């Protein structure tokens, strides 16, 4: 049954069904998809500072009561950066992989440190890196993420929270975004944050979606979905995010999640008109003003059929779903359907 729900994020994540995120993962890295969604292995993404800021802003803006369920306040003023951050993340990874089911680290610490040093990319001597690490905020941060990541919490610091609070304030007072983010429930409007829709299909493949904000206008009988993005390049969002992170997949799926909902005779929104997704884009450093990016029918057609931009081909949702369905049906993950059909003989230009 297709329905809009208000379950927790953890409950939503537990539903074994594809989403725009998993479809994007498949389109960019079939191996990653197989390990993460088929084998159920823990695959941790290296999130950018902008992505982390986006999660903080989203929570403070829409679900402030859930902050402690998602984040852990670090005792460090700021997290390590640059190569030291790479070193800490590598050390965490090696420590995690060397930890048995009883929580015992089975590899000596000096070996873990040496492995992290090799992975980090530092050019200075190993001893110099270790002297900078031991007793520093970087070591505190390492111990914190070891403790909290197993609980699915993200470590944040006071500097990040301060910036996030300013971004939220900007969204609330900016003339472009204020009418949306400040809108509250009334006899006319119904506002649903983190709206979850499960079990809708596209080309016979089942999906789930969790939309940041949905504004339902009962007078006009329209549904307007929004997605909040926090990025370092607000005014170049199209190329730096929409294309680079393939957010067009998300835009297409979110629209159809709502479309399936209004076509469901059991839905209270049956017969309503669904508007195309709009992206609310804010600056992760709170310098540039937020902007709202809109889409139209041509964007939806391009998202489904695929398109070329500046000589680069972006696969459409239709082809991605077909390729994924073939992999799932045949159990073949080590070669694409296209290359399988060509018996592994591929023209050098594709």
C-alpha atoms as a PDB file:
ATOM      1  CA  UNK A   1       0.000   0.000   0.000  1.00  0.00           C
ATOM      2  CA  UNK A   2       1.295   3.446  -0.916  1.00  0.00           C
ATOM      3  CA  UNK A   3       1.083   5.835   1.987  1.00  0.00           C
ATOM      4  CA  UNK A   4       2.618   8.905   3.504  1.00  0.00           C
ATOM      5  CA  UNK A   5       4.006   8.118   6.951  1.00  0.00           C
ATOM      6  CA  UNK A   6       5.678   9.836   9.879  1.00  0.00           C
ATOM      7  CA  UNK A   7       7.912   7.070  11.188  1.00  0.00           C
ATOM      8  CA  UNK A   8      11.380   7.710  12.584  1.00  0.00           C
ATOM      9  CA  UNK A   9      14.339   7.945  10.231  1.00  0.00           C
ATOM     10  CA  UNK A  10      15.719   4.700  11.681  1.00  0.00           C
ATOM     11  CA  UNK A  11      12.480   2.896  10.837  1.00  0.00           C
ATOM     12  CA  UNK A  12      12.580   4.355   7.336  1.00  0.00           C
ATOM     13  CA  UNK A  13      16.183   3.223   6.803  1.00  0.00           C
ATOM     14  CA  UNK A  14      15.255  -0.272   7.956  1.00  0.00           C
ATOM     15  CA  UNK A  15      12.763  -0.709   5.103  1.00  0.00           C
ATOM     16  CA  UNK A  16      14.546  -2.803   2.481  1.00  0.00           C
ATOM     17  CA  UNK A  17      13.546  -0.907  -0.606  1.00  0.00           C
ATOM     18  CA  UNK A  18      15.441   1.195  -3.125  1.00  0.00           C
ATOM     19  CA  UNK A  19      15.459   4.985  -2.880  1.00  0.00           C
ATOM     20  CA  UNK A  20      16.912   7.856  -4.856  1.00  0.00           C
ATOM     21  CA  UNK A  21      20.106   7.500  -2.782  1.00  0.00           C
ATOM     22  CA  UNK A  22      20.584   3.821  -3.558  1.00  0.00           C
ATOM     23  CA  UNK A  23      19.724   4.386  -7.229  1.00  0.00           C
ATOM     24  CA  UNK A  24      22.362   7.113  -7.362  1.00  0.00           C
ATOM     25  CA  UNK A  25      24.872   4.775  -5.710  1.00  0.00           C
ATOM     26  CA  UNK A  26      24.149   2.094  -8.310  1.00  0.00           C
ATOM     27  CA  UNK A  27      24.510   4.549 -11.197  1.00  0.00           C
ATOM     28  CA  UNK A  28      27.901   5.729  -9.934  1.00  0.00           C
ATOM     29  CA  UNK A  29      29.392   2.605  -8.343  1.00  0.00           C
ATOM     30  CA  UNK A  30      27.780  -0.786  -8.927  1.00  0.00           C
ATOM     31  CA  UNK A  31      30.289  -2.473  -6.587  1.00  0.00           C
ATOM     32  CA  UNK A  32      29.394  -0.114  -3.759  1.00  0.00           C
ATOM     33  CA  UNK A  33      25.702  -0.791  -4.294  1.00  0.00           C
ATOM     34  CA  UNK A  34      26.268  -4.555  -4.209  1.00  0.00           C
ATOM     35  CA  UNK A  35      28.291  -4.429  -0.982  1.00  0.00           C
ATOM     36  CA  UNK A  36      25.953  -1.985   0.749  1.00  0.00           C
ATOM     37  CA  UNK A  37      22.488  -3.068  -0.336  1.00  0.00           C
ATOM     38  CA  UNK A  38      22.868  -6.705  -1.392  1.00  0.00           C
ATOM     39  CA  UNK A  39      25.501  -8.015   1.018  1.00  0.00           C
ATOM     40  CA  UNK A  40      24.442  -5.607   3.770  1.00  0.00           C
ATOM     41  CA  UNK A  41      28.020  -4.592   4.509  1.00  0.00           C
ATOM     42  CA  UNK A  42      28.812  -1.383   6.344  1.00  0.00           C
ATOM     43  CA  UNK A  43      29.942   1.100   3.712  1.00  0.00           C
ATOM     44  CA  UNK A  44      30.723   4.485   5.195  1.00  0.00           C
ATOM     45  CA  UNK A  45      30.656   7.428   2.850  1.00  0.00           C
ATOM     46  CA  UNK A  46      33.226  10.146   3.260  1.00  0.00           C
ATOM     47  CA  UNK A  47      30.878  13.058   3.740  1.00  0.00           C
ATOM     48  CA  UNK A  48      31.960  16.565   2.886  1.00  0.00           C
ATOM     49  CA  UNK A  49      31.759  19.355   5.454  1.00  0.00           C
ATOM     50  CA  UNK A  50      28.905  20.832   3.418  1.00  0.00           C
ATOM     51  CA  UNK A  51      26.950  17.563   3.599  1.00  0.00           C
ATOM     52  CA  UNK A  52      27.437  17.374   7.369  1.00  0.00           C
ATOM     53  CA  UNK A  53      26.365  20.996   7.704  1.00  0.00           C
ATOM     54  CA  UNK A  54      23.280  20.208   5.645  1.00  0.00           C
ATOM     55  CA  UNK A  55      22.212  17.492   8.078  1.00  0.00           C
ATOM     56  CA  UNK A  56      22.712  19.802  11.051  1.00  0.00           C
ATOM     57  CA  UNK A  57      20.751  22.634   9.406  1.00  0.00           C
ATOM     58  CA  UNK A  58      17.976  20.298   8.343  1.00  0.00           C
ATOM     59  CA  UNK A  59      17.601  18.953  11.871  1.00  0.00           C
ATOM     60  CA  UNK A  60      17.708  22.352  13.576  1.00  0.00           C
ATOM     61  CA  UNK A  61      15.207  23.755  11.076  1.00  0.00           C
ATOM     62  CA  UNK A  62      12.726  20.904  10.827  1.00  0.00           C
ATOM     63  CA  UNK A  63      13.277  18.497  13.713  1.00  0.00           C
ATOM     64  CA  UNK A  64      15.177  20.262  16.535  1.00  0.00           C
ATOM     65  CA  UNK A  65      13.714  17.832  19.083  1.00  0.00           C
ATOM     66  CA  UNK A  66      15.637  15.004  17.389  1.00  0.00           C
ATOM     67  CA  UNK A  67      19.045  16.682  17.542  1.00  0.00           C
ATOM     68  CA  UNK A  68      20.347  14.482  20.364  1.00  0.00           C
ATOM     69  CA  UNK A  69      19.157  11.387  18.519  1.00  0.00           C
ATOM     70  CA  UNK A  70      21.350  12.236  15.538  1.00  0.00           C
ATOM     71  CA  UNK A  71      24.353  14.160  16.818  1.00  0.00           C
ATOM     72  CA  UNK A  72      26.986  14.055  19.552  1.00  0.00           C
ATOM     73  CA  UNK A  73      28.473  17.328  20.747  1.00  0.00           C
ATOM     74  CA  UNK A  74      32.250  17.066  20.638  1.00  0.00           C
ATOM     75  CA  UNK A  75      34.434  18.390  23.435  1.00  0.00           C
ATOM     76  CA  UNK A  76      36.735  19.743  20.695  1.00  0.00           C
ATOM     77  CA  UNK A  77      36.289  23.324  19.562  1.00  0.00           C
ATOM     78  CA  UNK A  78      36.710  22.198  15.966  1.00  0.00           C
ATOM     79  CA  UNK A  79      37.275  18.923  14.169  1.00  0.00           C
ATOM     80  CA  UNK A  80      40.648  18.117  12.567  1.00  0.00           C
ATOM     81  CA  UNK A  81      41.020  19.217   8.969  1.00  0.00           C
ATOM     82  CA  UNK A  82      43.107  18.428   5.917  1.00  0.00           C
ATOM     83  CA  UNK A  83      45.546  15.534   6.091  1.00  0.00           C
ATOM     84  CA  UNK A  84      45.099  15.181   9.845  1.00  0.00           C
ATOM     85  CA  UNK A  85      41.405  14.539   9.274  1.00  0.00           C
ATOM     86  CA  UNK A  86      42.343  11.973   6.619  1.00  0.00           C
ATOM     87  CA  UNK A  87      44.704  10.362   9.134  1.00  0.00           C
ATOM     88  CA  UNK A  88      42.035  10.241  11.856  1.00  0.00           C
ATOM     89  CA  UNK A  89      39.427   8.798   9.491  1.00  0.00           C
ATOM     90  CA  UNK A  90      41.907   6.173   8.286  1.00  0.00           C
ATOM     91  CA  UNK A  91      42.802   5.303  11.887  1.00  0.00           C
ATOM     92  CA  UNK A  92      39.129   4.961  12.735  1.00  0.00           C
ATOM     93  CA  UNK A  93      38.568   2.684   9.739  1.00  0.00           C
ATOM     94  CA  UNK A  94      41.512   0.420  10.587  1.00  0.00           C
ATOM     95  CA  UNK A  95      40.455   0.314  14.239  1.00  0.00           C
ATOM     96  CA  UNK A  96      36.875  -0.564  13.330  1.00  0.00           C
ATOM     97  CA  UNK A  97      37.993  -3.313  10.972  1.00  0.00           C
ATOM     98  CA  UNK A  98      40.293  -4.744  13.649  1.00  0.00           C
ATOM     99  CA  UNK A  99      37.582  -4.832  16.323  1.00  0.00           C
ATOM    100  CA  UNK A 100      35.977  -8.209  17.011  1.00  0.00           C
ATOM    101  CA  UNK A 101      32.363  -8.922  17.973  1.00  0.00           C
ATOM    102  CA  UNK A 102      33.211  -8.459  21.663  1.00  0.00           C
ATOM    103  CA  UNK A 103      34.546  -4.964  21.052  1.00  0.00           C
ATOM    104  CA  UNK A 104      38.198  -5.991  21.469  1.00  0.00           C
ATOM    105  CA  UNK A 105      40.743  -4.406  19.121  1.00  0.00           C
ATOM    106  CA  UNK A 106      42.852  -7.326  17.885  1.00  0.00           C
ATOM    107  CA  UNK A 107      45.622  -5.310  16.183  1.00  0.00           C
ATOM    108  CA  UNK A 108      48.349  -3.478  18.148  1.00  0.00           C
ATOM    109  CA  UNK A 109      47.915   0.301  18.208  1.00  0.00           C
ATOM    110  CA  UNK A 110      51.305   0.965  16.610  1.00  0.00           C
ATOM    111  CA  UNK A 111      50.270  -1.099  13.587  1.00  0.00           C
ATOM    112  CA  UNK A 112      46.990   0.791  13.313  1.00  0.00           C
ATOM    113  CA  UNK A 113      48.826   4.119  13.462  1.00  0.00           C
ATOM    114  CA  UNK A 114      51.289   3.055  10.776  1.00  0.00           C
ATOM    115  CA  UNK A 115      48.476   1.877   8.499  1.00  0.00           C
ATOM    116  CA  UNK A 116      46.613   5.160   8.977  1.00  0.00           C
ATOM    117  CA  UNK A 117      49.784   7.123   8.234  1.00  0.00           C
ATOM    118  CA  UNK A 118      50.227   5.272   4.926  1.00  0.00           C
ATOM    119  CA  UNK A 119      46.616   5.963   3.949  1.00  0.00           C
ATOM    120  CA  UNK A 120      46.581   9.623   4.973  1.00  0.00           C
ATOM    121  CA  UNK A 121      48.925  11.022   2.344  1.00  0.00           C
ATOM    122  CA  UNK A 122      51.191  12.839   4.807  1.00  0.00           C
ATOM    123  CA  UNK A 123      54.616  13.705   3.359  1.00  0.00           C
ATOM    124  CA  UNK A 124      56.234  14.561   6.682  1.00  0.00           C
ATOM    125  CA  UNK A 125      57.771  11.776   8.731  1.00  0.00           C
ATOM    126  CA  UNK A 126      55.626   9.295  10.618  1.00  0.00           C
ATOM    127  CA  UNK A 127      57.070  10.371  13.983  1.00  0.00           C
ATOM    128  CA  UNK A 128      56.126  13.994  13.319  1.00  0.00           C
ATOM    129  CA  UNK A 129      52.536  13.050  12.529  1.00  0.00           C
ATOM    130  CA  UNK A 130      52.220  10.931  15.672  1.00  0.00           C
ATOM    131  CA  UNK A 131      53.629  13.721  17.843  1.00  0.00           C
ATOM    132  CA  UNK A 132      51.012  16.086  16.409  1.00  0.00           C
ATOM    133  CA  UNK A 133      48.259  13.527  16.980  1.00  0.00           C
ATOM    134  CA  UNK A 134      48.939  12.272  20.509  1.00  0.00           C
ATOM    135  CA  UNK A 135      47.325  14.502  23.132  1.00  0.00           C
ATOM    136  CA  UNK A 136      45.686  16.775  20.567  1.00  0.00           C
ATOM    137  CA  UNK A 137      42.067  17.512  19.682  1.00  0.00           C
ATOM    138  CA  UNK A 138      42.544  15.112  16.782  1.00  0.00           C
ATOM    139  CA  UNK A 139      43.077  12.226  19.219  1.00  0.00           C
ATOM    140  CA  UNK A 140      40.023  13.295  21.212  1.00  0.00           C
ATOM    141  CA  UNK A 141      37.996  13.401  18.002  1.00  0.00           C
ATOM    142  CA  UNK A 142      39.233   9.919  17.054  1.00  0.00           C
ATOM    143  CA  UNK A 143      38.107   8.495  20.408  1.00  0.00           C
ATOM    144  CA  UNK A 144      34.760  10.261  20.081  1.00  0.00           C
ATOM    145  CA  UNK A 145      33.926   8.906  16.644  1.00  0.00           C
ATOM    146  CA  UNK A 146      34.942   5.409  17.790  1.00  0.00           C
ATOM    147  CA  UNK A 147      32.356   5.687  20.541  1.00  0.00           C
ATOM    148  CA  UNK A 148      29.441   7.350  18.783  1.00  0.00           C
ATOM    149  CA  UNK A 149      29.485   6.118  15.180  1.00  0.00           C
ATOM    150  CA  UNK A 150      28.488   2.652  16.304  1.00  0.00           C
ATOM    151  CA  UNK A 151      25.376   4.359  17.687  1.00  0.00           C
ATOM    152  CA  UNK A 152      24.713   6.028  14.318  1.00  0.00           C
ATOM    153  CA  UNK A 153      25.505   9.470  15.726  1.00  0.00           C
ATOM    154  CA  UNK A 154      27.509  12.180  13.983  1.00  0.00           C
ATOM    155  CA  UNK A 155      30.127  14.114  15.930  1.00  0.00           C
ATOM    156  CA  UNK A 156      29.657  17.882  15.690  1.00  0.00           C
ATOM    157  CA  UNK A 157      31.366  20.802  17.402  1.00  0.00           C
ATOM    158  CA  UNK A 158      30.348  24.205  18.723  1.00  0.00           C
ATOM    159  CA  UNK A 159      31.712  26.012  15.668  1.00  0.00           C
ATOM    160  CA  UNK A 160      29.570  23.922  13.312  1.00  0.00           C
ATOM    161  CA  UNK A 161      26.485  24.414  15.477  1.00  0.00           C
ATOM    162  CA  UNK A 162      27.027  28.170  15.556  1.00  0.00           C
ATOM    163  CA  UNK A 163      27.252  28.340  11.755  1.00  0.00           C
ATOM    164  CA  UNK A 164      24.233  26.053  11.358  1.00  0.00           C
ATOM    165  CA  UNK A 165      22.143  28.241  13.650  1.00  0.00           C
ATOM    166  CA  UNK A 166      23.038  31.293  11.560  1.00  0.00           C
ATOM    167  CA  UNK A 167      22.086  29.457   8.357  1.00  0.00           C
ATOM    168  CA  UNK A 168      18.731  28.509   9.873  1.00  0.00           C
ATOM    169  CA  UNK A 169      18.156  32.130  10.864  1.00  0.00           C
ATOM    170  CA  UNK A 170      19.013  33.253   7.330  1.00  0.00           C
ATOM    171  CA  UNK A 171      16.513  30.780   5.893  1.00  0.00           C
ATOM    172  CA  UNK A 172      13.852  32.108   8.254  1.00  0.00           C
ATOM    173  CA  UNK A 173      14.368  35.801   7.455  1.00  0.00           C
ATOM    174  CA  UNK A 174      15.383  35.737   3.790  1.00  0.00           C
ATOM    175  CA  UNK A 175      12.570  37.062   1.617  1.00  0.00           C
ATOM    176  CA  UNK A 176      12.880  34.142  -0.824  1.00  0.00           C
ATOM    177  CA  UNK A 177      12.893  31.264   1.640  1.00  0.00           C
ATOM    178  CA  UNK A 178      11.013  32.684   4.637  1.00  0.00           C
ATOM    179  CA  UNK A 179       7.513  32.193   3.133  1.00  0.00           C
ATOM    180  CA  UNK A 180       8.298  28.479   2.776  1.00  0.00           C
ATOM    181  CA  UNK A 181      10.282  27.551   5.887  1.00  0.00           C
ATOM    182  CA  UNK A 182       8.068  29.636   8.201  1.00  0.00           C
ATOM    183  CA  UNK A 183       4.796  28.276   6.846  1.00  0.00           C
ATOM    184  CA  UNK A 184       2.758  26.500   9.528  1.00  0.00           C
ATOM    185  CA  UNK A 185      -0.268  24.246   9.593  1.00  0.00           C
ATOM    186  CA  UNK A 186      -3.622  25.952   9.110  1.00  0.00           C
ATOM    187  CA  UNK A 187      -7.041  25.214   7.707  1.00  0.00           C
ATOM    188  CA  UNK A 188      -5.557  25.811   4.247  1.00  0.00           C
ATOM    189  CA  UNK A 189      -2.011  24.479   4.520  1.00  0.00           C
ATOM    190  CA  UNK A 190      -0.724  21.161   5.779  1.00  0.00           C
ATOM    191  CA  UNK A 191       3.024  21.062   6.331  1.00  0.00           C
ATOM    192  CA  UNK A 192       4.767  17.688   6.549  1.00  0.00           C
ATOM    193  CA  UNK A 193       8.485  17.576   7.310  1.00  0.00           C
ATOM    194  CA  UNK A 194      10.400  14.376   6.502  1.00  0.00           C
ATOM    195  CA  UNK A 195       7.388  12.888   4.746  1.00  0.00           C
ATOM    196  CA  UNK A 196       7.896   9.207   3.966  1.00  0.00           C
ATOM    197  CA  UNK A 197       6.293   7.372   1.071  1.00  0.00           C
ATOM    198  CA  UNK A 198       6.934   3.664   0.617  1.00  0.00           C
ATOM    199  CA  UNK A 199       5.967   1.090  -1.989  1.00  0.00           C
ATOM    200  CA  UNK A 200       5.497   3.209  -5.095  1.00  0.00           C
ATOM    201  CA  UNK A 201       6.788   1.825  -8.378  1.00  0.00           C
ATOM    202  CA  UNK A 202       8.598   3.164 -11.416  1.00  0.00           C
ATOM    203  CA  UNK A 203       8.995   0.782 -14.353  1.00  0.00           C
ATOM    204  CA  UNK A 204       7.944  -2.080 -12.107  1.00  0.00           C
ATOM    205  CA  UNK A 205      10.642  -1.378  -9.489  1.00  0.00           C
ATOM    206  CA  UNK A 206       9.575  -0.511  -5.925  1.00  0.00           C
ATOM    207  CA  UNK A 207      10.914   2.579  -4.188  1.00  0.00           C
ATOM    208  CA  UNK A 208      10.703   4.532  -0.972  1.00  0.00           C
ATOM    209  CA  UNK A 209      11.329   8.256  -0.442  1.00  0.00           C
ATOM    210  CA  UNK A 210      11.701  10.643   2.472  1.00  0.00           C
ATOM    211  CA  UNK A 211      11.004  14.227   1.453  1.00  0.00           C
ATOM    212  CA  UNK A 212      12.391  17.100   3.516  1.00  0.00           C
ATOM    213  CA  UNK A 213       9.294  19.283   3.324  1.00  0.00           C
ATOM    214  CA  UNK A 214       5.919  18.924   1.651  1.00  0.00           C
ATOM    215  CA  UNK A 215       3.431  21.797   1.510  1.00  0.00           C
ATOM    216  CA  UNK A 216      -0.134  20.702   0.833  1.00  0.00           C
ATOM    217  CA  UNK A 217      -2.534  23.463  -0.203  1.00  0.00           C
ATOM    218  CA  UNK A 218      -6.044  22.177   0.490  1.00  0.00           C
ATOM    219  CA  UNK A 219      -7.668  25.182  -1.153  1.00  0.00           C
ATOM    220  CA  UNK A 220      -5.856  24.785  -4.467  1.00  0.00           C
ATOM    221  CA  UNK A 221      -5.520  21.023  -3.991  1.00  0.00           C
ATOM    222  CA  UNK A 222      -1.819  21.099  -4.816  1.00  0.00           C
ATOM    223  CA  UNK A 223       1.215  19.400  -3.316  1.00  0.00           C
ATOM    224  CA  UNK A 224       4.589  21.140  -3.453  1.00  0.00           C
ATOM    225  CA  UNK A 225       7.615  19.037  -2.391  1.00  0.00           C
ATOM    226  CA  UNK A 226      10.889  20.680  -1.331  1.00  0.00           C
ATOM    227  CA  UNK A 227      14.377  19.390  -0.669  1.00  0.00           C
ATOM    228  CA  UNK A 228      16.940  21.307   1.377  1.00  0.00           C
ATOM    229  CA  UNK A 229      20.517  21.320   0.126  1.00  0.00           C
ATOM    230  CA  UNK A 230      23.527  22.844   1.865  1.00  0.00           C
ATOM    231  CA  UNK A 231      26.439  23.418  -0.492  1.00  0.00           C
ATOM    232  CA  UNK A 232      29.592  25.456  -0.876  1.00  0.00           C
ATOM    233  CA  UNK A 233      28.485  26.682  -4.308  1.00  0.00           C
ATOM    234  CA  UNK A 234      24.955  28.065  -4.061  1.00  0.00           C
ATOM    235  CA  UNK A 235      25.015  30.001  -7.321  1.00  0.00           C
ATOM    236  CA  UNK A 236      26.474  27.116  -9.321  1.00  0.00           C
ATOM    237  CA  UNK A 237      24.175  24.482  -7.860  1.00  0.00           C
ATOM    238  CA  UNK A 238      23.214  23.008 -11.227  1.00  0.00           C
ATOM    239  CA  UNK A 239      26.687  21.830 -12.196  1.00  0.00           C
ATOM    240  CA  UNK A 240      28.306  21.428  -8.795  1.00  0.00           C
ATOM    241  CA  UNK A 241      25.452  19.499  -7.174  1.00  0.00           C
ATOM    242  CA  UNK A 242      22.454  18.736  -9.374  1.00  0.00           C
ATOM    243  CA  UNK A 243      24.658  17.119 -12.019  1.00  0.00           C
ATOM    244  CA  UNK A 244      27.739  16.107 -10.027  1.00  0.00           C
ATOM    245  CA  UNK A 245      25.715  14.373  -7.296  1.00  0.00           C
ATOM    246  CA  UNK A 246      22.996  13.334  -9.734  1.00  0.00           C
ATOM    247  CA  UNK A 247      20.261  15.056  -7.769  1.00  0.00           C
ATOM    248  CA  UNK A 248      18.099  14.833 -10.888  1.00  0.00           C
ATOM    249  CA  UNK A 249      17.449  11.218  -9.854  1.00  0.00           C
ATOM    250  CA  UNK A 250      16.083  12.486  -6.555  1.00  0.00           C
ATOM    251  CA  UNK A 251      13.967  15.125  -8.278  1.00  0.00           C
ATOM    252  CA  UNK A 252      12.374  12.526 -10.546  1.00  0.00           C
ATOM    253  CA  UNK A 253      11.679   9.995  -7.794  1.00  0.00           C
ATOM    254  CA  UNK A 254      10.287  12.559  -5.358  1.00  0.00           C
ATOM    255  CA  UNK A 255       7.844  13.844  -7.945  1.00  0.00           C
ATOM    256  CA  UNK A 256       6.643  10.339  -8.692  1.00  0.00           C
ATOM    257  CA  UNK A 257       6.412   9.453  -5.012  1.00  0.00           C
ATOM    258  CA  UNK A 258       3.906  12.278  -4.663  1.00  0.00           C
ATOM    259  CA  UNK A 259       2.221  11.414  -7.957  1.00  0.00           C
ATOM    260  CA  UNK A 260       1.648   7.833  -6.836  1.00  0.00           C
ATOM    261  CA  UNK A 261       0.297   9.121  -3.539  1.00  0.00           C
ATOM    262  CA  UNK A 262      -2.338  11.362  -5.143  1.00  0.00           C
ATOM    263  CA  UNK A 263      -3.344   8.560  -7.516  1.00  0.00           C
ATOM    264  CA  UNK A 264      -4.038   6.256  -4.592  1.00  0.00           C
ATOM    265  CA  UNK A 265      -7.797   6.251  -3.894  1.00  0.00           C
ATOM    266  CA  UNK A 266      -7.098   5.534  -0.201  1.00  0.00           C
ATOM    267  CA  UNK A 267      -4.956   8.634   0.171  1.00  0.00           C
ATOM    268  CA  UNK A 268      -6.447  11.803   1.692  1.00  0.00           C
ATOM    269  CA  UNK A 269      -4.720  13.668  -1.145  1.00  0.00           C
ATOM    270  CA  UNK A 270      -6.277  11.645  -3.933  1.00  0.00           C
ATOM    271  CA  UNK A 271      -6.810  13.838  -6.997  1.00  0.00           C
ATOM    272  CA  UNK A 272      -4.477  16.640  -5.878  1.00  0.00           C
ATOM    273  CA  UNK A 273      -2.035  18.173  -8.374  1.00  0.00           C
ATOM    274  CA  UNK A 274       1.667  17.561  -7.722  1.00  0.00           C
ATOM    275  CA  UNK A 275       4.122  20.342  -8.477  1.00  0.00           C
ATOM    276  CA  UNK A 276       7.696  19.553  -9.500  1.00  0.00           C
ATOM    277  CA  UNK A 277      10.296  19.385  -6.733  1.00  0.00           C
ATOM    278  CA  UNK A 278      12.009  22.607  -5.724  1.00  0.00           C
ATOM    279  CA  UNK A 279      15.468  22.714  -4.140  1.00  0.00           C
ATOM    280  CA  UNK A 280      16.039  25.133  -1.264  1.00  0.00           C
ATOM    281  CA  UNK A 281      19.789  25.719  -1.456  1.00  0.00           C
ATOM    282  CA  UNK A 282      21.774  27.377   1.335  1.00  0.00           C
ATOM    283  CA  UNK A 283      25.469  28.189   1.723  1.00  0.00           C
ATOM    284  CA  UNK A 284      27.382  25.870   4.077  1.00  0.00           C
ATOM    285  CA  UNK A 285      29.483  28.832   5.266  1.00  0.00           C
ATOM    286  CA  UNK A 286      26.497  31.204   5.555  1.00  0.00           C
ATOM    287  CA  UNK A 287      28.024  33.783   3.211  1.00  0.00           C
ATOM    288  CA  UNK A 288      25.802  33.645   0.132  1.00  0.00           C
ATOM    289  CA  UNK A 289      22.067  34.120   0.332  1.00  0.00           C
ATOM    290  CA  UNK A 290      19.898  31.013  -0.130  1.00  0.00           C
ATOM    291  CA  UNK A 291      18.257  30.388  -3.478  1.00  0.00           C
ATOM    292  CA  UNK A 292      15.354  28.273  -4.669  1.00  0.00           C
ATOM    293  CA  UNK A 293      15.887  26.202  -7.797  1.00  0.00           C
ATOM    294  CA  UNK A 294      12.800  25.136  -9.735  1.00  0.00           C
ATOM    295  CA  UNK A 295      12.289  22.374 -12.314  1.00  0.00           C
ATOM    296  CA  UNK A 296       9.878  21.897 -15.187  1.00  0.00           C
ATOM    297  CA  UNK A 297       8.544  19.104 -17.402  1.00  0.00           C
ATOM    298  CA  UNK A 298      11.608  19.197 -19.656  1.00  0.00           C
ATOM    299  CA  UNK A 299      13.827  18.591 -16.624  1.00  0.00           C
ATOM    300  CA  UNK A 300      11.703  15.587 -15.667  1.00  0.00           C
ATOM    301  CA  UNK A 301      11.891  14.158 -19.192  1.00  0.00           C
ATOM    302  CA  UNK A 302      15.673  14.636 -19.208  1.00  0.00           C
ATOM    303  CA  UNK A 303      15.963  13.007 -15.794  1.00  0.00           C
ATOM    304  CA  UNK A 304      14.137   9.921 -17.033  1.00  0.00           C
ATOM    305  CA  UNK A 305      15.626   9.651 -20.522  1.00  0.00           C
ATOM    306  CA  UNK A 306      19.146  10.850 -19.754  1.00  0.00           C
ATOM    307  CA  UNK A 307      20.917  13.850 -21.280  1.00  0.00           C
ATOM    308  CA  UNK A 308      24.243  15.322 -22.316  1.00  0.00           C
ATOM    309  CA  UNK A 309      25.709  18.439 -20.731  1.00  0.00           C
ATOM    310  CA  UNK A 310      28.999  19.927 -21.955  1.00  0.00           C
ATOM    311  CA  UNK A 311      29.948  16.682 -23.627  1.00  0.00           C
ATOM    312  CA  UNK A 312      29.257  14.484 -20.606  1.00  0.00           C
ATOM    313  CA  UNK A 313      26.453  11.907 -20.642  1.00  0.00           C
ATOM    314  CA  UNK A 314      24.176  11.580 -17.622  1.00  0.00           C
ATOM    315  CA  UNK A 315      22.213   8.307 -17.519  1.00  0.00           C
ATOM    316  CA  UNK A 316      18.452   8.543 -17.182  1.00  0.00           C
ATOM    317  CA  UNK A 317      16.394   7.042 -14.397  1.00  0.00           C
ATOM    318  CA  UNK A 318      14.773   4.653 -16.872  1.00  0.00           C
ATOM    319  CA  UNK A 319      18.083   3.152 -17.992  1.00  0.00           C
ATOM    320  CA  UNK A 320      19.432   3.009 -14.435  1.00  0.00           C
ATOM    321  CA  UNK A 321      16.372   1.120 -13.204  1.00  0.00           C
ATOM    322  CA  UNK A 322      16.576  -1.283 -16.156  1.00  0.00           C
ATOM    323  CA  UNK A 323      20.257  -1.953 -15.457  1.00  0.00           C
ATOM    324  CA  UNK A 324      19.614  -2.456 -11.742  1.00  0.00           C
ATOM    325  CA  UNK A 325      16.666  -4.768 -12.373  1.00  0.00           C
ATOM    326  CA  UNK A 326      18.817  -6.895 -14.675  1.00  0.00           C
ATOM    327  CA  UNK A 327      21.524  -7.210 -12.008  1.00  0.00           C
ATOM    328  CA  UNK A 328      18.979  -8.149  -9.337  1.00  0.00           C
ATOM    329  CA  UNK A 329      17.162 -10.645 -11.582  1.00  0.00           C
ATOM    330  CA  UNK A 330      20.274 -12.387 -12.897  1.00  0.00           C
ATOM    331  CA  UNK A 331      22.455 -12.002  -9.823  1.00  0.00           C
ATOM    332  CA  UNK A 332      25.158 -10.596 -12.077  1.00  0.00           C
ATOM    333  CA  UNK A 333      27.057  -7.676 -10.559  1.00  0.00           C
ATOM    334  CA  UNK A 334      30.547  -7.923 -12.052  1.00  0.00           C
ATOM    335  CA  UNK A 335      29.602  -6.666 -15.509  1.00  0.00           C
ATOM    336  CA  UNK A 336      26.995  -4.243 -16.823  1.00  0.00           C
ATOM    337  CA  UNK A 337      24.081  -5.472 -18.915  1.00  0.00           C
ATOM    338  CA  UNK A 338      25.388  -3.497 -21.888  1.00  0.00           C
ATOM    339  CA  UNK A 339      28.835  -5.083 -21.740  1.00  0.00           C
ATOM    340  CA  UNK A 340      27.327  -8.502 -21.078  1.00  0.00           C
ATOM    341  CA  UNK A 341      25.311  -8.249 -24.290  1.00  0.00           C
ATOM    342  CA  UNK A 342      28.465  -7.320 -26.233  1.00  0.00           C
ATOM    343  CA  UNK A 343      30.309 -10.341 -24.778  1.00  0.00           C
ATOM    344  CA  UNK A 344      32.764  -7.987 -23.145  1.00  0.00           C
ATOM    345  CA  UNK A 345      33.897  -6.411 -26.427  1.00  0.00           C
ATOM    346  CA  UNK A 346      33.640  -2.638 -26.042  1.00  0.00           C
ATOM    347  CA  UNK A 347      34.428   0.165 -28.471  1.00  0.00           C
ATOM    348  CA  UNK A 348      37.123   2.397 -26.995  1.00  0.00           C
ATOM    349  CA  UNK A 349      34.837   5.441 -27.297  1.00  0.00           C
ATOM    350  CA  UNK A 350      31.908   3.695 -25.680  1.00  0.00           C
END
